[in-house]
PDB file of N, CA and C in Angstrom:
ATOM      1  N   ASP A   1      95.035  97.794  89.549  1.00  0.00           N
ATOM      2  CA  ASP A   1      94.140  97.250  90.255  1.00  0.00           C
ATOM      3  C   ASP A   1      94.409  97.458  91.654  1.00  0.00           C
ATOM      4  N   PRO A   2      93.423  98.374  92.366  1.00  0.00           N
ATOM      5  CA  PRO A   2      93.739  98.622  93.934  1.00  0.00           C
ATOM      6  C   PRO A   2      93.825  97.519  94.952  1.00  0.00           C
ATOM      7  N   SER A   3      93.295  96.432  94.574  1.00  0.00           N
ATOM      8  CA  SER A   3      93.248  95.449  95.427  1.00  0.00           C
ATOM      9  C   SER A   3      94.726  94.510  95.486  1.00  0.00           C
ATOM     10  N   ARG A   4      95.342  94.870  94.727  1.00  0.00           N
ATOM     11  CA  ARG A   4      96.791  94.280  94.446  1.00  0.00           C
ATOM     12  C   ARG A   4      98.017  94.999  95.169  1.00  0.00           C
ATOM     13  N   VAL A   5      97.749  96.490  95.505  1.00  0.00           N
ATOM     14  CA  VAL A   5      98.575  97.186  96.089  1.00  0.00           C
ATOM     15  C   VAL A   5      98.846  96.828  97.578  1.00  0.00           C
ATOM     16  N   GLY A   6     100.340  96.644  97.752  1.00  0.00           N
ATOM     17  CA  GLY A   6     100.630  96.395  99.096  1.00  0.00           C
ATOM     18  C   GLY A   6     101.442  97.618  99.608  1.00  0.00           C
ATOM     19  N   ILE A   7     101.996  98.473  98.864  1.00  0.00           N
ATOM     20  CA  ILE A   7     102.992  99.607  99.441  1.00  0.00           C
ATOM     21  C   ILE A   7     102.838 100.847  98.458  1.00  0.00           C
ATOM     22  N   ILE A   8     102.605 102.040  99.019  1.00  0.00           N
ATOM     23  CA  ILE A   8     102.825 103.102  98.236  1.00  0.00           C
ATOM     24  C   ILE A   8     104.134 103.698  98.623  1.00  0.00           C
ATOM     25  N   CYS A   9     104.998 103.991  97.747  1.00  0.00           N
ATOM     26  CA  CYS A   9     106.499 104.142  98.197  1.00  0.00           C
ATOM     27  C   CYS A   9     107.095 105.083  97.003  1.00  0.00           C
ATOM     28  N   LYS A  10     108.207 105.579  97.233  1.00  0.00           N
ATOM     29  CA  LYS A  10     109.019 106.374  96.017  1.00  0.00           C
ATOM     30  C   LYS A  10     109.592 105.355  95.538  1.00  0.00           C
ATOM     31  N   VAL A  11     109.595 105.088  94.222  1.00  0.00           N
ATOM     32  CA  VAL A  11     110.341 104.480  93.300  1.00  0.00           C
ATOM     33  C   VAL A  11     111.102 105.617  92.118  1.00  0.00           C
ATOM     34  N   ALA A  12     112.363 105.403  92.169  1.00  0.00           N
ATOM     35  CA  ALA A  12     113.206 106.443  91.392  1.00  0.00           C
ATOM     36  C   ALA A  12     112.694 107.864  91.801  1.00  0.00           C
ATOM     37  N   GLY A  13     112.290 107.962  93.139  1.00  0.00           N
ATOM     38  CA  GLY A  13     111.886 109.484  93.272  1.00  0.00           C
ATOM     39  C   GLY A  13     110.506 109.798  93.120  1.00  0.00           C
ATOM     40  N   TYR A  14     109.674 108.896  92.434  1.00  0.00           N
ATOM     41  CA  TYR A  14     108.170 109.105  92.245  1.00  0.00           C
ATOM     42  C   TYR A  14     107.440 108.313  93.171  1.00  0.00           C
ATOM     43  N   LEU A  15     106.213 108.810  93.517  1.00  0.00           N
ATOM     44  CA  LEU A  15     105.416 108.232  94.466  1.00  0.00           C
ATOM     45  C   LEU A  15     104.633 107.007  93.459  1.00  0.00           C
ATOM     46  N   SER A  16     104.735 105.768  93.965  1.00  0.00           N
ATOM     47  CA  SER A  16     104.382 104.759  93.203  1.00  0.00           C
ATOM     48  C   SER A  16     103.870 103.782  94.093  1.00  0.00           C
ATOM     49  N   THR A  17     103.047 102.612  93.406  1.00  0.00           N
ATOM     50  CA  THR A  17     102.218 101.700  94.069  1.00  0.00           C
ATOM     51  C   THR A  17     103.090 100.604  93.679  1.00  0.00           C
ATOM     52  N   VAL A  18     103.209  99.508  94.573  1.00  0.00           N
ATOM     53  CA  VAL A  18     103.977  98.342  94.334  1.00  0.00           C
ATOM     54  C   VAL A  18     103.083  97.336  94.875  1.00  0.00           C
ATOM     55  N   SER A  19     103.168  96.065  94.138  1.00  0.00           N
ATOM     56  CA  SER A  19     102.250  94.997  94.107  1.00  0.00           C
ATOM     57  C   SER A  19     102.399  94.366  95.562  1.00  0.00           C
ATOM     58  N   LYS A  20     101.269  93.895  96.321  1.00  0.00           N
ATOM     59  CA  LYS A  20     101.709  92.997  97.719  1.00  0.00           C
ATOM     60  C   LYS A  20     102.074  91.584  97.484  1.00  0.00           C
ATOM     61  N   TYR A  21     102.445  91.304  96.030  1.00  0.00           N
ATOM     62  CA  TYR A  21     103.067  89.981  95.926  1.00  0.00           C
ATOM     63  C   TYR A  21     104.585  90.109  95.812  1.00  0.00           C
ATOM     64  N   MET A  22     104.987  91.602  95.835  1.00  0.00           N
ATOM     65  CA  MET A  22     106.515  91.892  95.892  1.00  0.00           C
ATOM     66  C   MET A  22     106.900  92.109  97.517  1.00  0.00           C
ATOM     67  N   ILE A  23     106.262  91.904  98.231  1.00  0.00           N
ATOM     68  CA  ILE A  23     106.452  92.432  99.926  1.00  0.00           C
ATOM     69  C   ILE A  23     107.002  90.962  99.982  1.00  0.00           C
ATOM     70  N   CYS A  24     108.165  91.049 100.385  1.00  0.00           N
ATOM     71  CA  CYS A  24     109.096  89.712 101.020  1.00  0.00           C
ATOM     72  C   CYS A  24     109.490  88.963  99.851  1.00  0.00           C
ATOM     73  N   PHE A  25     109.259  89.329  98.642  1.00  0.00           N
ATOM     74  CA  PHE A  25     109.544  88.406  97.631  1.00  0.00           C
ATOM     75  C   PHE A  25     111.024  88.292  97.564  1.00  0.00           C
ATOM     76  N   LYS A  26     111.450  87.087  97.183  1.00  0.00           N
ATOM     77  CA  LYS A  26     113.078  86.569  97.414  1.00  0.00           C
ATOM     78  C   LYS A  26     113.798  86.882  96.131  1.00  0.00           C
ATOM     79  N   THR A  27     114.317  88.237  96.081  1.00  0.00           N
ATOM     80  CA  THR A  27     114.962  88.740  94.931  1.00  0.00           C
ATOM     81  C   THR A  27     115.845  89.759  95.657  1.00  0.00           C
ATOM     82  N   ASN A  28     117.129  89.994  95.228  1.00  0.00           N
ATOM     83  CA  ASN A  28     118.079  91.094  95.552  1.00  0.00           C
ATOM     84  C   ASN A  28     117.683  92.374  95.182  1.00  0.00           C
ATOM     85  N   GLU A  29     116.900  92.254  94.075  1.00  0.00           N
ATOM     86  CA  GLU A  29     116.609  93.738  93.952  1.00  0.00           C
ATOM     87  C   GLU A  29     115.849  94.554  94.673  1.00  0.00           C
ATOM     88  N   GLN A  30     115.861  95.767  94.812  1.00  0.00           N
ATOM     89  CA  GLN A  30     115.171  96.754  95.794  1.00  0.00           C
ATOM     90  C   GLN A  30     114.041  97.539  94.964  1.00  0.00           C
ATOM     91  N   ILE A  31     112.980  97.525  95.203  1.00  0.00           N
ATOM     92  CA  ILE A  31     111.964  98.236  94.277  1.00  0.00           C
ATOM     93  C   ILE A  31     111.782  99.656  95.068  1.00  0.00           C
ATOM     94  N   CYS A  32     111.447  99.871  96.160  1.00  0.00           N
ATOM     95  CA  CYS A  32     111.284 101.048  96.935  1.00  0.00           C
ATOM     96  C   CYS A  32     112.658 101.902  97.157  1.00  0.00           C
ATOM     97  N   ASP A  33     112.513 102.898  97.001  1.00  0.00           N
ATOM     98  CA  ASP A  33     113.918 103.572  97.203  1.00  0.00           C
ATOM     99  C   ASP A  33     114.425 103.521  98.777  1.00  0.00           C
ATOM    100  N   ASP A  34     113.538 103.278  99.523  1.00  0.00           N
ATOM    101  CA  ASP A  34     113.885 103.149 101.063  1.00  0.00           C
ATOM    102  C   ASP A  34     114.032 101.436 101.347  1.00  0.00           C
ATOM    103  N   GLY A  35     113.729 100.878 100.454  1.00  0.00           N
ATOM    104  CA  GLY A  35     113.795  99.425 100.684  1.00  0.00           C
ATOM    105  C   GLY A  35     112.736  98.726 101.707  1.00  0.00           C
ATOM    106  N   ILE A  36     111.584  99.225 101.815  1.00  0.00           N
ATOM    107  CA  ILE A  36     110.784  98.832 102.975  1.00  0.00           C
ATOM    108  C   ILE A  36     110.185  97.746 102.802  1.00  0.00           C
ATOM    109  N   GLU A  37     109.878  97.335 101.286  1.00  0.00           N
ATOM    110  CA  GLU A  37     109.258  95.902 101.113  1.00  0.00           C
ATOM    111  C   GLU A  37     110.285  94.808 101.337  1.00  0.00           C
ATOM    112  N   LYS A  38     111.265  95.012 101.460  1.00  0.00           N
ATOM    113  CA  LYS A  38     112.440  93.931 102.084  1.00  0.00           C
ATOM    114  C   LYS A  38     112.485  93.626 103.449  1.00  0.00           C
ATOM    115  N   VAL A  39     111.850  94.430 104.363  1.00  0.00           N
ATOM    116  CA  VAL A  39     111.943  94.361 105.769  1.00  0.00           C
ATOM    117  C   VAL A  39     111.376  93.186 106.271  1.00  0.00           C
ATOM    118  N   CYS A  40     111.746  91.952 106.297  1.00  0.00           N
ATOM    119  CA  CYS A  40     110.953  90.801 106.466  1.00  0.00           C
ATOM    120  C   CYS A  40     111.704  89.830 107.411  1.00  0.00           C
ATOM    121  N   TYR A  41     111.003  89.169 108.164  1.00  0.00           N
ATOM    122  CA  TYR A  41     111.600  88.409 109.436  1.00  0.00           C
ATOM    123  C   TYR A  41     111.026  86.953 109.232  1.00  0.00           C
ATOM    124  N   PRO A  42     111.861  85.749 109.523  1.00  0.00           N
ATOM    125  CA  PRO A  42     111.428  84.671 109.777  1.00  0.00           C
ATOM    126  C   PRO A  42     110.755  84.508 111.109  1.00  0.00           C
ATOM    127  N   ILE A  43     109.584  84.437 111.202  1.00  0.00           N
ATOM    128  CA  ILE A  43     108.661  84.229 112.425  1.00  0.00           C
ATOM    129  C   ILE A  43     108.615  82.933 112.969  1.00  0.00           C
ATOM    130  N   SER A  44     108.725  81.885 111.993  1.00  0.00           N
ATOM    131  CA  SER A  44     108.792  80.343 112.344  1.00  0.00           C
ATOM    132  C   SER A  44     109.494  79.744 111.131  1.00  0.00           C
ATOM    133  N   LYS A  45     109.802  78.502 111.173  1.00  0.00           N
ATOM    134  CA  LYS A  45     110.219  77.843 110.174  1.00  0.00           C
ATOM    135  C   LYS A  45     109.295  77.690 108.763  1.00  0.00           C
ATOM    136  N   SER A  46     107.987  77.976 109.017  1.00  0.00           N
ATOM    137  CA  SER A  46     107.293  78.069 107.913  1.00  0.00           C
ATOM    138  C   SER A  46     106.550  79.517 107.601  1.00  0.00           C
ATOM    139  N   CYS A  47     106.977  80.404 108.350  1.00  0.00           N
ATOM    140  CA  CYS A  47     106.242  81.755 108.103  1.00  0.00           C
ATOM    141  C   CYS A  47     107.392  82.936 108.321  1.00  0.00           C
ATOM    142  N   THR A  48     107.323  83.712 107.129  1.00  0.00           N
ATOM    143  CA  THR A  48     108.277  84.774 106.984  1.00  0.00           C
ATOM    144  C   THR A  48     107.251  86.080 106.829  1.00  0.00           C
ATOM    145  N   LEU A  49     107.562  86.993 107.469  1.00  0.00           N
ATOM    146  CA  LEU A  49     106.467  88.107 107.498  1.00  0.00           C
ATOM    147  C   LEU A  49     107.074  89.460 107.252  1.00  0.00           C
ATOM    148  N   HIS A  50     106.792  90.615 106.531  1.00  0.00           N
ATOM    149  CA  HIS A  50     107.159  91.721 106.652  1.00  0.00           C
ATOM    150  C   HIS A  50     106.965  92.482 108.158  1.00  0.00           C
ATOM    151  N   LYS A  51     107.814  93.337 108.789  1.00  0.00           N
ATOM    152  CA  LYS A  51     107.614  93.593 110.068  1.00  0.00           C
ATOM    153  C   LYS A  51     106.254  94.358 110.300  1.00  0.00           C
ATOM    154  N   HIS A  52     105.722  95.040 109.317  1.00  0.00           N
ATOM    155  CA  HIS A  52     104.388  95.497 109.485  1.00  0.00           C
ATOM    156  C   HIS A  52     103.256  94.786 109.895  1.00  0.00           C
ATOM    157  N   PHE A  53     103.450  93.561 109.382  1.00  0.00           N
ATOM    158  CA  PHE A  53     102.399  92.463 109.454  1.00  0.00           C
ATOM    159  C   PHE A  53     102.394  91.793 111.042  1.00  0.00           C
ATOM    160  N   ILE A  54     103.536  92.129 111.741  1.00  0.00           N
ATOM    161  CA  ILE A  54     103.724  91.450 113.019  1.00  0.00           C
ATOM    162  C   ILE A  54     103.067  92.458 114.235  1.00  0.00           C
ATOM    163  N   CYS A  55     102.470  91.810 115.011  1.00  0.00           N
ATOM    164  CA  CYS A  55     101.677  92.835 116.144  1.00  0.00           C
ATOM    165  C   CYS A  55     100.617  93.646 115.604  1.00  0.00           C
ATOM    166  N   ASP A  56      99.810  92.953 114.853  1.00  0.00           N
ATOM    167  CA  ASP A  56      98.776  93.687 114.253  1.00  0.00           C
ATOM    168  C   ASP A  56      97.253  93.206 114.371  1.00  0.00           C
ATOM    169  N   SER A  57      97.377  92.074 115.517  1.00  0.00           N
ATOM    170  CA  SER A  57      95.906  91.398 115.838  1.00  0.00           C
ATOM    171  C   SER A  57      95.423  90.832 114.718  1.00  0.00           C
ATOM    172  N   GLU A  58      96.029  90.711 113.673  1.00  0.00           N
ATOM    173  CA  GLU A  58      95.582  89.309 112.497  1.00  0.00           C
ATOM    174  C   GLU A  58      96.443  88.355 112.563  1.00  0.00           C
ATOM    175  N   ARG A  59      96.019  87.097 112.638  1.00  0.00           N
ATOM    176  CA  ARG A  59      96.576  86.048 112.235  1.00  0.00           C
ATOM    177  C   ARG A  59      97.254  85.532 111.107  1.00  0.00           C
ATOM    178  N   ASP A  60      98.882  85.787 111.039  1.00  0.00           N
ATOM    179  CA  ASP A  60      99.300  85.639 109.693  1.00  0.00           C
ATOM    180  C   ASP A  60     100.174  84.317 109.496  1.00  0.00           C
ATOM    181  N   CYS A  61     100.460  83.714 110.741  1.00  0.00           N
ATOM    182  CA  CYS A  61     101.279  82.382 110.695  1.00  0.00           C
ATOM    183  C   CYS A  61     100.343  81.098 111.307  1.00  0.00           C
ATOM    184  N   ASP A  62     100.643  80.189 111.431  1.00  0.00           N
ATOM    185  CA  ASP A  62     100.296  79.191 112.119  1.00  0.00           C
ATOM    186  C   ASP A  62     100.378  79.460 113.585  1.00  0.00           C
ATOM    187  N   GLU A  63      99.466  78.899 114.295  1.00  0.00           N
ATOM    188  CA  GLU A  63      99.347  79.184 115.742  1.00  0.00           C
ATOM    189  C   GLU A  63      99.539  80.558 116.023  1.00  0.00           C
ATOM    190  N   ASN A  64      99.260  81.604 115.437  1.00  0.00           N
ATOM    191  CA  ASN A  64      99.325  82.718 115.708  1.00  0.00           C
ATOM    192  C   ASN A  64     100.723  83.292 116.322  1.00  0.00           C
ATOM    193  N   VAL A  65     101.662  82.489 116.214  1.00  0.00           N
ATOM    194  CA  VAL A  65     102.957  83.010 116.339  1.00  0.00           C
ATOM    195  C   VAL A  65     103.485  84.327 115.972  1.00  0.00           C
ATOM    196  N   ASP A  66     102.848  85.123 115.009  1.00  0.00           N
ATOM    197  CA  ASP A  66     103.354  86.457 114.846  1.00  0.00           C
ATOM    198  C   ASP A  66     102.550  87.352 115.747  1.00  0.00           C
ATOM    199  N   GLU A  67     101.717  87.098 116.484  1.00  0.00           N
ATOM    200  CA  GLU A  67     101.197  87.787 117.308  1.00  0.00           C
ATOM    201  C   GLU A  67     101.559  87.621 118.872  1.00  0.00           C
ATOM    202  N   LYS A  68     102.340  86.608 118.916  1.00  0.00           N
ATOM    203  CA  LYS A  68     102.764  85.988 120.264  1.00  0.00           C
ATOM    204  C   LYS A  68     104.275  86.497 120.401  1.00  0.00           C
ATOM    205  N   GLN A  69     104.797  87.289 119.564  1.00  0.00           N
ATOM    206  CA  GLN A  69     106.364  87.619 119.585  1.00  0.00           C
ATOM    207  C   GLN A  69     106.674  88.524 120.857  1.00  0.00           C
ATOM    208  N   LEU A  70     107.707  88.438 121.343  1.00  0.00           N
ATOM    209  CA  LEU A  70     108.131  89.432 122.559  1.00  0.00           C
ATOM    210  C   LEU A  70     107.751  90.591 122.560  1.00  0.00           C
ATOM    211  N   ILE A  71     108.103  91.136 121.234  1.00  0.00           N
ATOM    212  CA  ILE A  71     108.043  92.721 121.061  1.00  0.00           C
ATOM    213  C   ILE A  71     106.454  93.157 121.019  1.00  0.00           C
ATOM    214  N   CYS A  72     105.657  92.122 120.978  1.00  0.00           N
ATOM    215  CA  CYS A  72     104.007  92.624 120.875  1.00  0.00           C
ATOM    216  C   CYS A  72     103.589  92.889 122.207  1.00  0.00           C
ATOM    217  N   SER A  73     104.324  92.618 123.371  1.00  0.00           N
ATOM    218  CA  SER A  73     103.979  92.707 124.483  1.00  0.00           C
ATOM    219  C   SER A  73     103.921  93.924 125.281  1.00  0.00           C
ATOM    220  N   SER A  74     104.760  95.026 124.410  1.00  0.00           N
ATOM    221  CA  SER A  74     104.757  96.393 124.880  1.00  0.00           C
ATOM    222  C   SER A  74     104.496  97.187 123.686  1.00  0.00           C
ATOM    223  N   GLN A  75     103.425  97.803 123.759  1.00  0.00           N
ATOM    224  CA  GLN A  75     103.122  98.807 122.418  1.00  0.00           C
ATOM    225  C   GLN A  75     102.811 100.003 122.899  1.00  0.00           C
ATOM    226  N   THR A  76     102.785 100.828 121.649  1.00  0.00           N
ATOM    227  CA  THR A  76     102.114 102.279 122.142  1.00  0.00           C
ATOM    228  C   THR A  76     100.847 102.487 122.294  1.00  0.00           C
ATOM    229  N   GLU A  77     100.384 103.393 122.997  1.00  0.00           N
ATOM    230  CA  GLU A  77      99.372 103.929 123.473  1.00  0.00           C
ATOM    231  C   GLU A  77      98.427 104.336 122.195  1.00  0.00           C
ATOM    232  N   GLY A  78      99.156 105.350 121.375  1.00  0.00           N
ATOM    233  CA  GLY A  78      98.765 105.986 120.353  1.00  0.00           C
ATOM    234  C   GLY A  78      98.659 105.069 118.972  1.00  0.00           C
ATOM    235  N   THR A  79      98.021 105.401 117.796  1.00  0.00           N
ATOM    236  CA  THR A  79      97.691 104.476 116.699  1.00  0.00           C
ATOM    237  C   THR A  79      98.754 105.307 115.331  1.00  0.00           C
ATOM    238  N   CYS A  80      98.791 104.593 114.382  1.00  0.00           N
ATOM    239  CA  CYS A  80      99.184 105.056 113.056  1.00  0.00           C
ATOM    240  C   CYS A  80      99.112 104.135 112.131  1.00  0.00           C
ATOM    241  N   LYS A  81      99.025 104.793 110.812  1.00  0.00           N
ATOM    242  CA  LYS A  81      99.014 103.686 109.691  1.00  0.00           C
ATOM    243  C   LYS A  81     100.422 103.246 109.304  1.00  0.00           C
ATOM    244  N   ARG A  82     100.363 102.171 109.318  1.00  0.00           N
ATOM    245  CA  ARG A  82     101.675 101.261 108.890  1.00  0.00           C
ATOM    246  C   ARG A  82     101.834 101.699 107.387  1.00  0.00           C
ATOM    247  N   LYS A  83     103.168 101.817 107.071  1.00  0.00           N
ATOM    248  CA  LYS A  83     103.337 101.762 105.604  1.00  0.00           C
ATOM    249  C   LYS A  83     103.086 100.591 104.700  1.00  0.00           C
ATOM    250  N   VAL A  84     103.175  99.339 105.195  1.00  0.00           N
ATOM    251  CA  VAL A  84     103.003  98.491 104.424  1.00  0.00           C
ATOM    252  C   VAL A  84     101.642  97.635 104.820  1.00  0.00           C
ATOM    253  N   GLY A  85     100.921  97.153 103.857  1.00  0.00           N
ATOM    254  CA  GLY A  85      99.564  96.768 104.168  1.00  0.00           C
ATOM    255  C   GLY A  85      98.540  97.810 104.247  1.00  0.00           C
ATOM    256  N   ASN A  86      97.508  97.310 104.401  1.00  0.00           N
ATOM    257  CA  ASN A  86      96.001  98.231 104.444  1.00  0.00           C
ATOM    258  C   ASN A  86      95.275  97.591 105.541  1.00  0.00           C
ATOM    259  N   ARG A  87      95.991  97.793 106.764  1.00  0.00           N
ATOM    260  CA  ARG A  87      95.246  97.046 107.937  1.00  0.00           C
ATOM    261  C   ARG A  87      94.813  98.478 108.921  1.00  0.00           C
ATOM    262  N   GLY A  88      94.681  99.697 108.431  1.00  0.00           N
ATOM    263  CA  GLY A  88      94.186 100.873 109.137  1.00  0.00           C
ATOM    264  C   GLY A  88      95.006 101.219 110.350  1.00  0.00           C
ATOM    265  N   GLU A  89      94.727 101.894 111.342  1.00  0.00           N
ATOM    266  CA  GLU A  89      95.321 102.602 112.257  1.00  0.00           C
ATOM    267  C   GLU A  89      95.668 101.355 113.390  1.00  0.00           C
ATOM    268  N   LEU A  90      96.875 101.422 113.790  1.00  0.00           N
ATOM    269  CA  LEU A  90      97.198 100.205 114.508  1.00  0.00           C
ATOM    270  C   LEU A  90      98.580 100.850 115.726  1.00  0.00           C
ATOM    271  N   THR A  91      98.566 100.068 116.842  1.00  0.00           N
ATOM    272  CA  THR A  91      99.663 100.406 117.667  1.00  0.00           C
ATOM    273  C   THR A  91     100.997  99.997 117.085  1.00  0.00           C
ATOM    274  N   LEU A  92     102.018 100.403 117.787  1.00  0.00           N
ATOM    275  CA  LEU A  92     103.479  99.836 117.309  1.00  0.00           C
ATOM    276  C   LEU A  92     104.158  99.485 118.338  1.00  0.00           C
ATOM    277  N   PRO A  93     104.944  98.205 118.174  1.00  0.00           N
ATOM    278  CA  PRO A  93     105.711  97.831 119.436  1.00  0.00           C
ATOM    279  C   PRO A  93     106.784  99.016 119.601  1.00  0.00           C
ATOM    280  N   LEU A  94     107.059  99.103 121.024  1.00  0.00           N
ATOM    281  CA  LEU A  94     107.839 100.306 121.718  1.00  0.00           C
ATOM    282  C   LEU A  94     109.248  99.704 121.162  1.00  0.00           C
ATOM    283  N   SER A  95     109.573  98.678 120.700  1.00  0.00           N
ATOM    284  CA  SER A  95     110.781  98.472 120.367  1.00  0.00           C
ATOM    285  C   SER A  95     111.269  99.051 118.877  1.00  0.00           C
ATOM    286  N   TRP A  96     110.259  99.583 118.165  1.00  0.00           N
ATOM    287  CA  TRP A  96     110.559 100.078 116.795  1.00  0.00           C
ATOM    288  C   TRP A  96     110.772 101.457 116.905  1.00  0.00           C
ATOM    289  N   LEU A  97     110.571 102.211 117.980  1.00  0.00           N
ATOM    290  CA  LEU A  97     110.637 103.672 118.226  1.00  0.00           C
ATOM    291  C   LEU A  97     112.230 103.974 118.467  1.00  0.00           C
TER     292      LEU A  97
END
């Protein structure tokens, strides 16, 4: 089901799709070879997000705290597709470079 795809990554060396419900899922097991599905941060007491959902101009946490992070104040001029999520071409925080 394409609506459930959260990441396209290599799993055991093969390009695979991983469910969006596995992003930031609290388990010690890694699915993607590079572990990208586990790169999650506590944004507030009630909100933990994958880093690719921060600074994306979409409200994911209460009070829009995911868009008010300090790293969101300095972004690239160019855009690219982030590996996680399906939010189109976005700028990147400069601190990621």
